[in-house]
Amino acid sequence: MPTHKTRKGSLQFYPRKRIDKFIPSVNWAPVKTGEKGLLGFIAYKAGMASAIVKDTTEHSMTKGKRIIVPVSVLEVPSMKIYSVRFYKSGKVIKDVVVSNDKELRKKLKISKTQKNLENEIPKEFDDIRLLVYSVVKQTRIKKTPDLAEIAMNHDNKLDFVKSLVGKEISISDFVKTNLVDVRGLTRGKGLQGPVKRFGIKLKFHKSEKGVRRPGSLGPWHPARVTFRTPIAGQLGLFTRIHYNQKIILTGKISEKNINPKAGFNHYGNISSSFLILSGSVQGPKKRQILLTPAIRPTKKQNKKQYEFIELVTS
């Protein structure tokens, strides 16, 4: 029987085009956790490093020993609430703007008058979500804030929202969890050919009509080029999710300084709070990242226990 080779290029992701916004939208229905707090937090990628940790995982072959783990360092400045969205039957019935900070003028057209949340609460609603923005001026990378809609997990969501309006939300208000999903955009590579974009093989060097292209764009009928055909187009700047990233350490830079002497390459020094995750994170330096609790945690990742000792950068 003839051997069958798997196709080049996954059909799972379609269309392969540039995303419209840097922080992707989230389907909050499967994001469930037993802990109370916010289910999302905005972070910024500072870079990768190596962490020297003590493995305290039960039944691990390296238990009690020092090991080196590749990690990603994220800066997590505070957030503030821009508006409170009341939902009913999956639709927004009222959006109450509760902030008119001047840094928002770089991003939105804001009103000079601020509404009182108590007077704007609708009579009937079944869910509340928050439109938050990062206080990015705490960092040294830019001044324009980023906005994202996040959900929360609480017995009384309205009282929880009232306690956060007008205040800076820190990473401690994020749900207490060991595993997080990292949602963000990959590094943009622009227009690329089918060899790099889909991984097809080069044709024989004497082939006509090009070597770095597919042998056929499809049959005569249907008389069109289908989306399954590997052709040139946009590569990168796609929405991707990294599942089950282990949180190794979180803290404030004022309490524990993890900055290298020369700062992180192409980023500089972290000046607010930070988060150290095991593994890599998509996107270049300074990329916006949205952290959410793991929607499908695995036993292998969940049982890992690391005691942070030192961060080593190149």
Protein backbone atom coordinates (compact mmCIF):
# COMPACT_ATOMS: atom_id res chain seq x y z
CA MET A 1 0.00 0.00 0.00
CA PRO A 2 1.26 3.51 -0.69
CA THR A 3 2.54 5.37 2.32
CA HIS A 4 0.56 8.40 3.44
CA LYS A 5 2.35 11.51 4.62
CA THR A 6 0.69 14.00 6.91
CA ARG A 7 -0.11 17.31 5.28
CA LYS A 8 2.16 20.33 5.67
CA GLY A 9 0.73 23.10 7.81
CA SER A 10 -1.99 22.70 10.42
CA LEU A 11 -5.58 23.45 9.41
CA GLN A 12 -6.48 24.04 13.06
CA PHE A 13 -5.79 27.78 12.86
CA TYR A 14 -7.73 29.75 10.27
CA PRO A 15 -7.60 32.39 8.93
CA ARG A 16 -3.87 33.04 9.09
CA LYS A 17 -4.05 36.81 9.30
CA ARG A 18 -2.87 39.57 11.60
CA ILE A 19 -4.97 39.91 14.72
CA ASP A 20 -6.89 43.17 15.22
CA LYS A 21 -5.85 43.80 18.83
CA PHE A 22 -2.84 42.90 20.94
CA ILE A 23 -4.73 41.43 23.90
CA PRO A 24 -7.03 38.63 22.69
CA SER A 25 -10.62 38.13 23.83
CA VAL A 26 -11.31 35.25 26.18
CA ASN A 27 -14.21 32.83 26.44
CA TRP A 28 -14.61 32.96 30.20
CA ALA A 29 -17.12 30.07 30.42
CA PRO A 30 -14.51 27.26 30.72
CA VAL A 31 -12.23 29.31 33.01
CA LYS A 32 -13.23 27.87 36.37
CA THR A 33 -11.40 27.87 39.68
CA GLY A 34 -12.28 27.35 43.32
CA GLU A 35 -10.35 30.44 44.43
CA LYS A 36 -11.94 33.88 44.63
CA GLY A 37 -10.57 36.84 42.72
CA LEU A 38 -10.01 38.17 39.23
CA LEU A 39 -9.71 35.61 36.44
CA GLY A 40 -7.37 37.68 34.28
CA PHE A 41 -4.37 39.96 34.60
CA ILE A 42 -2.35 42.01 32.09
CA ALA A 43 1.42 41.44 32.01
CA TYR A 44 4.37 42.37 29.81
CA LYS A 45 7.14 40.07 28.65
CA ALA A 46 10.56 41.13 29.93
CA GLY A 47 12.58 38.18 28.64
CA MET A 48 13.82 34.68 29.33
CA ALA A 49 16.38 33.48 31.84
CA SER A 50 17.47 30.41 33.78
CA ALA A 51 16.27 29.89 37.33
CA ILE A 52 18.19 27.90 39.92
CA VAL A 53 15.54 26.18 42.02
CA LYS A 54 15.36 23.45 44.63
CA ASP A 55 13.12 20.62 43.50
CA THR A 56 10.70 19.71 46.31
CA THR A 57 8.34 17.64 44.14
CA GLU A 58 7.18 14.46 45.83
CA HIS A 59 8.66 11.25 44.35
CA SER A 60 10.85 13.27 41.97
CA MET A 61 14.24 11.83 40.93
CA THR A 62 15.82 15.22 41.72
CA LYS A 63 13.98 15.82 44.99
CA GLY A 64 16.05 17.94 47.35
CA LYS A 65 18.57 18.84 44.63
CA ARG A 66 19.27 22.07 42.82
CA ILE A 67 18.19 22.11 39.20
CA ILE A 68 18.14 24.73 36.45
CA VAL A 69 14.78 25.55 34.86
CA PRO A 70 14.22 27.78 31.79
CA VAL A 71 11.85 30.56 32.80
CA SER A 72 10.11 33.64 31.39
CA VAL A 73 10.09 36.86 33.39
CA LEU A 74 6.95 39.02 33.15
CA GLU A 75 6.35 42.47 34.57
CA VAL A 76 2.87 42.86 36.06
CA PRO A 77 2.07 46.50 36.86
CA SER A 78 -1.13 47.40 38.67
CA MET A 79 -4.48 47.67 36.91
CA LYS A 80 -7.49 49.93 37.35
CA ILE A 81 -11.15 49.54 36.43
CA TYR A 82 -12.29 51.65 33.48
CA SER A 83 -15.89 50.43 33.31
CA VAL A 84 -18.22 47.87 34.87
CA ARG A 85 -20.24 45.80 32.39
CA PHE A 86 -23.52 44.22 33.44
CA TYR A 87 -24.58 41.16 31.42
CA LYS A 88 -27.92 39.44 30.96
CA SER A 89 -28.39 36.35 28.78
CA GLY A 90 -24.88 36.79 27.38
CA LYS A 91 -25.37 40.41 26.25
CA VAL A 92 -24.18 43.70 27.73
CA ILE A 93 -27.18 45.61 29.05
CA LYS A 94 -25.23 48.43 30.70
CA ASP A 95 -21.64 49.66 30.64
CA VAL A 96 -20.87 52.06 33.50
CA VAL A 97 -17.65 54.08 33.10
CA VAL A 98 -16.13 54.66 36.55
CA SER A 99 -12.75 56.17 35.66
CA ASN A 100 -11.60 59.29 33.81
CA ASP A 101 -7.87 59.18 34.50
CA LYS A 102 -5.82 61.36 32.20
CA GLU A 103 -3.62 58.46 30.98
CA LEU A 104 -6.71 57.01 29.29
CA ARG A 105 -6.81 59.98 26.92
CA LYS A 106 -3.96 58.38 25.00
CA LYS A 107 -6.28 55.46 24.21
CA LEU A 108 -9.93 56.57 24.48
CA LYS A 109 -12.23 59.56 24.36
CA ILE A 110 -13.24 59.94 27.99
CA SER A 111 -15.84 62.13 29.65
CA LYS A 112 -14.84 64.79 32.16
CA THR A 113 -17.65 63.77 34.51
CA GLN A 114 -17.51 60.50 36.38
CA LYS A 115 -20.62 58.40 37.07
CA ASN A 116 -21.54 56.95 40.44
CA LEU A 117 -21.77 53.17 40.24
CA GLU A 118 -24.47 52.98 42.93
CA ASN A 119 -26.89 55.02 40.84
CA GLU A 120 -26.25 53.11 37.60
CA ILE A 121 -26.82 49.52 38.75
CA PRO A 122 -29.56 47.88 36.62
CA LYS A 123 -32.46 46.05 38.26
CA GLU A 124 -31.80 42.70 36.59
CA PHE A 125 -28.49 41.19 35.55
CA ASP A 126 -26.86 37.76 35.78
CA ASP A 127 -23.17 38.51 35.36
CA ILE A 128 -20.62 41.29 35.86
CA ARG A 129 -17.34 41.76 34.03
CA LEU A 130 -14.74 44.48 34.24
CA LEU A 131 -13.03 46.48 31.54
CA VAL A 132 -9.62 47.13 33.11
CA TYR A 133 -6.53 48.99 31.96
CA SER A 134 -2.92 48.58 32.99
CA VAL A 135 -1.17 51.34 34.89
CA VAL A 136 1.71 51.00 32.46
CA LYS A 137 3.35 54.24 33.62
CA GLN A 138 4.70 52.16 36.52
CA THR A 139 6.94 50.44 33.98
CA ARG A 140 9.64 51.95 31.78
CA ILE A 141 8.46 50.64 28.42
CA LYS A 142 5.62 52.99 27.36
CA LYS A 143 2.87 55.33 28.56
CA THR A 144 -0.24 54.19 26.67
CA PRO A 145 -2.32 51.74 28.76
CA ASP A 146 -3.76 48.48 27.44
CA LEU A 147 -7.38 47.50 28.00
CA ALA A 148 -8.92 44.06 28.47
CA GLU A 149 -12.23 42.64 29.61
CA ILE A 150 -11.87 40.19 32.46
CA ALA A 151 -14.26 38.09 34.52
CA MET A 152 -14.15 37.34 38.21
CA ASN A 153 -14.99 34.52 40.59
CA HIS A 154 -16.78 35.62 43.75
CA ASP A 155 -19.92 34.85 45.75
CA ASN A 156 -21.04 38.49 45.63
CA LYS A 157 -19.55 40.03 42.51
CA LEU A 158 -21.17 43.43 42.99
CA ASP A 159 -19.67 43.97 46.44
CA PHE A 160 -16.32 42.74 45.16
CA VAL A 161 -16.42 45.25 42.30
CA LYS A 162 -17.35 48.10 44.65
CA SER A 163 -14.28 47.33 46.75
CA LEU A 164 -12.01 47.65 43.69
CA VAL A 165 -13.46 50.74 41.95
CA GLY A 166 -11.03 53.67 42.06
CA LYS A 167 -8.19 51.57 43.51
CA GLU A 168 -5.09 50.03 42.00
CA ILE A 169 -5.47 46.28 41.53
CA SER A 170 -2.28 44.32 42.20
CA ILE A 171 -1.30 40.82 41.17
CA SER A 172 -2.34 39.65 44.65
CA ASP A 173 -6.00 40.21 43.62
CA PHE A 174 -5.51 37.61 40.87
CA VAL A 175 -6.84 34.17 41.81
CA LYS A 176 -4.38 32.07 43.79
CA THR A 177 -3.34 29.31 41.40
CA ASN A 178 -0.18 27.36 40.59
CA LEU A 179 -0.85 26.98 36.86
CA VAL A 180 -1.82 29.71 34.42
CA ASP A 181 -2.61 29.90 30.73
CA VAL A 182 -0.66 32.54 28.83
CA ARG A 183 -2.64 34.23 26.05
CA GLY A 184 -0.93 36.55 23.61
CA LEU A 185 0.35 37.13 20.09
CA THR A 186 3.30 35.45 18.42
CA ARG A 187 6.19 37.36 16.89
CA GLY A 188 5.17 39.01 13.61
CA LYS A 189 7.14 37.92 10.53
CA GLY A 190 5.19 39.67 7.76
CA LEU A 191 4.68 38.22 4.28
CA GLN A 192 6.34 34.80 3.94
CA GLY A 193 6.34 32.09 1.30
CA PRO A 194 4.77 28.63 1.60
CA VAL A 195 8.07 26.95 2.53
CA LYS A 196 8.49 28.95 5.73
CA ARG A 197 4.78 29.47 6.33
CA PHE A 198 3.66 25.84 6.01
CA GLY A 199 6.89 23.84 5.98
CA ILE A 200 6.56 22.29 2.52
CA LYS A 201 9.65 20.77 0.94
CA LEU A 202 11.69 22.38 -1.83
CA LYS A 203 11.14 20.96 -5.29
CA PHE A 204 13.87 19.70 -7.62
CA HIS A 205 16.24 22.53 -8.52
CA LYS A 206 15.39 22.28 -12.23
CA SER A 207 11.64 22.46 -11.66
CA GLU A 208 9.73 24.97 -13.73
CA LYS A 209 7.69 27.83 -12.29
CA GLY A 210 9.62 27.99 -9.05
CA VAL A 211 11.26 25.77 -6.48
CA ARG A 212 9.81 27.31 -3.30
CA ARG A 213 6.16 26.76 -4.15
CA PRO A 214 3.70 23.84 -4.17
CA GLY A 215 3.57 21.57 -7.21
CA SER A 216 -0.10 22.32 -7.76
CA LEU A 217 -2.58 24.93 -6.52
CA GLY A 218 -5.44 22.45 -6.83
CA PRO A 219 -7.61 20.66 -9.42
CA TRP A 220 -9.45 22.20 -12.35
CA HIS A 221 -12.74 21.75 -10.51
CA PRO A 222 -13.64 23.28 -8.15
CA ALA A 223 -12.18 26.13 -10.21
CA ARG A 224 -10.70 28.06 -7.32
CA VAL A 225 -7.80 27.92 -4.91
CA THR A 226 -9.03 26.53 -1.57
CA PHE A 227 -7.75 27.69 1.80
CA ARG A 228 -6.07 24.30 2.25
CA THR A 229 -3.50 25.11 -0.43
CA PRO A 230 -0.18 26.31 1.04
CA ILE A 231 0.42 29.75 -0.50
CA ALA A 232 2.28 32.88 0.53
CA GLY A 233 0.74 35.18 3.12
CA GLN A 234 0.96 36.60 6.63
CA LEU A 235 3.07 34.73 9.17
CA GLY A 236 3.13 35.61 12.83
CA LEU A 237 1.15 38.01 15.01
CA PHE A 238 -1.34 35.20 15.59
CA THR A 239 -3.28 34.55 18.80
CA ARG A 240 -1.88 31.55 20.66
CA ILE A 241 -2.31 30.07 24.13
CA HIS A 242 0.41 28.40 26.18
CA TYR A 243 -1.29 26.03 28.60
CA ASN A 244 -0.27 25.09 32.16
CA GLN A 245 2.65 27.43 32.81
CA LYS A 246 3.99 26.90 36.34
CA ILE A 247 4.31 29.98 38.55
CA ILE A 248 7.71 29.78 40.22
CA LEU A 249 7.85 33.16 41.94
CA THR A 250 5.89 36.39 42.20
CA GLY A 251 6.71 39.54 44.10
CA LYS A 252 7.55 43.23 44.06
CA ILE A 253 10.85 44.51 42.74
CA SER A 254 11.17 46.73 45.82
CA GLU A 255 11.19 43.64 48.06
CA LYS A 256 13.25 41.31 45.85
CA ASN A 257 15.37 42.76 43.06
CA ILE A 258 15.75 40.26 40.19
CA ASN A 259 17.01 42.79 37.63
CA PRO A 260 20.37 42.02 35.97
CA LYS A 261 23.07 44.66 36.27
CA ALA A 262 22.55 45.83 32.69
CA GLY A 263 18.79 45.14 32.70
CA PHE A 264 16.92 42.68 30.51
CA ASN A 265 17.95 42.80 26.85
CA HIS A 266 15.70 45.07 24.76
CA TYR A 267 13.52 45.70 27.82
CA GLY A 268 15.46 47.39 30.60
CA ASN A 269 14.79 47.12 34.31
CA ILE A 270 11.58 45.94 35.94
CA SER A 271 10.27 48.68 38.23
CA SER A 272 6.96 47.26 39.53
CA SER A 273 5.81 43.71 40.34
CA PHE A 274 7.07 40.63 38.50
CA LEU A 275 6.09 37.06 37.77
CA ILE A 276 8.42 34.18 36.91
CA LEU A 277 6.91 31.36 34.84
CA SER A 278 8.49 28.08 33.80
CA GLY A 279 8.97 27.68 30.07
CA SER A 280 8.69 30.16 27.24
CA VAL A 281 6.10 32.82 26.43
CA GLN A 282 5.01 33.78 22.91
CA GLY A 283 5.93 37.10 21.36
CA PRO A 284 8.90 39.49 21.48
CA LYS A 285 10.04 41.64 24.38
CA LYS A 286 7.47 44.16 25.70
CA ARG A 287 4.61 42.08 24.29
CA GLN A 288 1.27 42.36 26.11
CA ILE A 289 0.25 39.10 27.78
CA LEU A 290 -3.05 38.09 29.41
CA LEU A 291 -2.81 35.60 32.26
CA THR A 292 -5.77 33.35 33.10
CA PRO A 293 -6.16 30.29 35.37
CA ALA A 294 -5.49 26.97 33.65
CA ILE A 295 -8.64 25.65 31.97
CA ARG A 296 -7.29 22.09 31.64
CA PRO A 297 -4.59 21.54 34.30
CA THR A 298 -2.55 18.34 34.18
CA LYS A 299 -1.40 16.27 37.13
CA LYS A 300 2.18 16.31 35.90
CA GLN A 301 2.42 20.10 35.94
CA ASN A 302 0.29 20.57 39.03
CA LYS A 303 2.39 18.36 41.30
CA LYS A 304 5.67 20.14 40.51
CA GLN A 305 7.03 22.11 43.46
CA TYR A 306 10.02 24.44 43.10
CA GLU A 307 11.75 26.58 45.72
CA PHE A 308 13.27 29.62 44.03
CA ILE A 309 16.95 30.31 44.75
CA GLU A 310 18.47 32.53 42.07
CA LEU A 311 17.85 33.95 38.60
CA VAL A 312 20.64 33.66 36.04
CA THR A 313 20.59 35.80 32.87
CA SER A 314 22.99 35.69 29.94
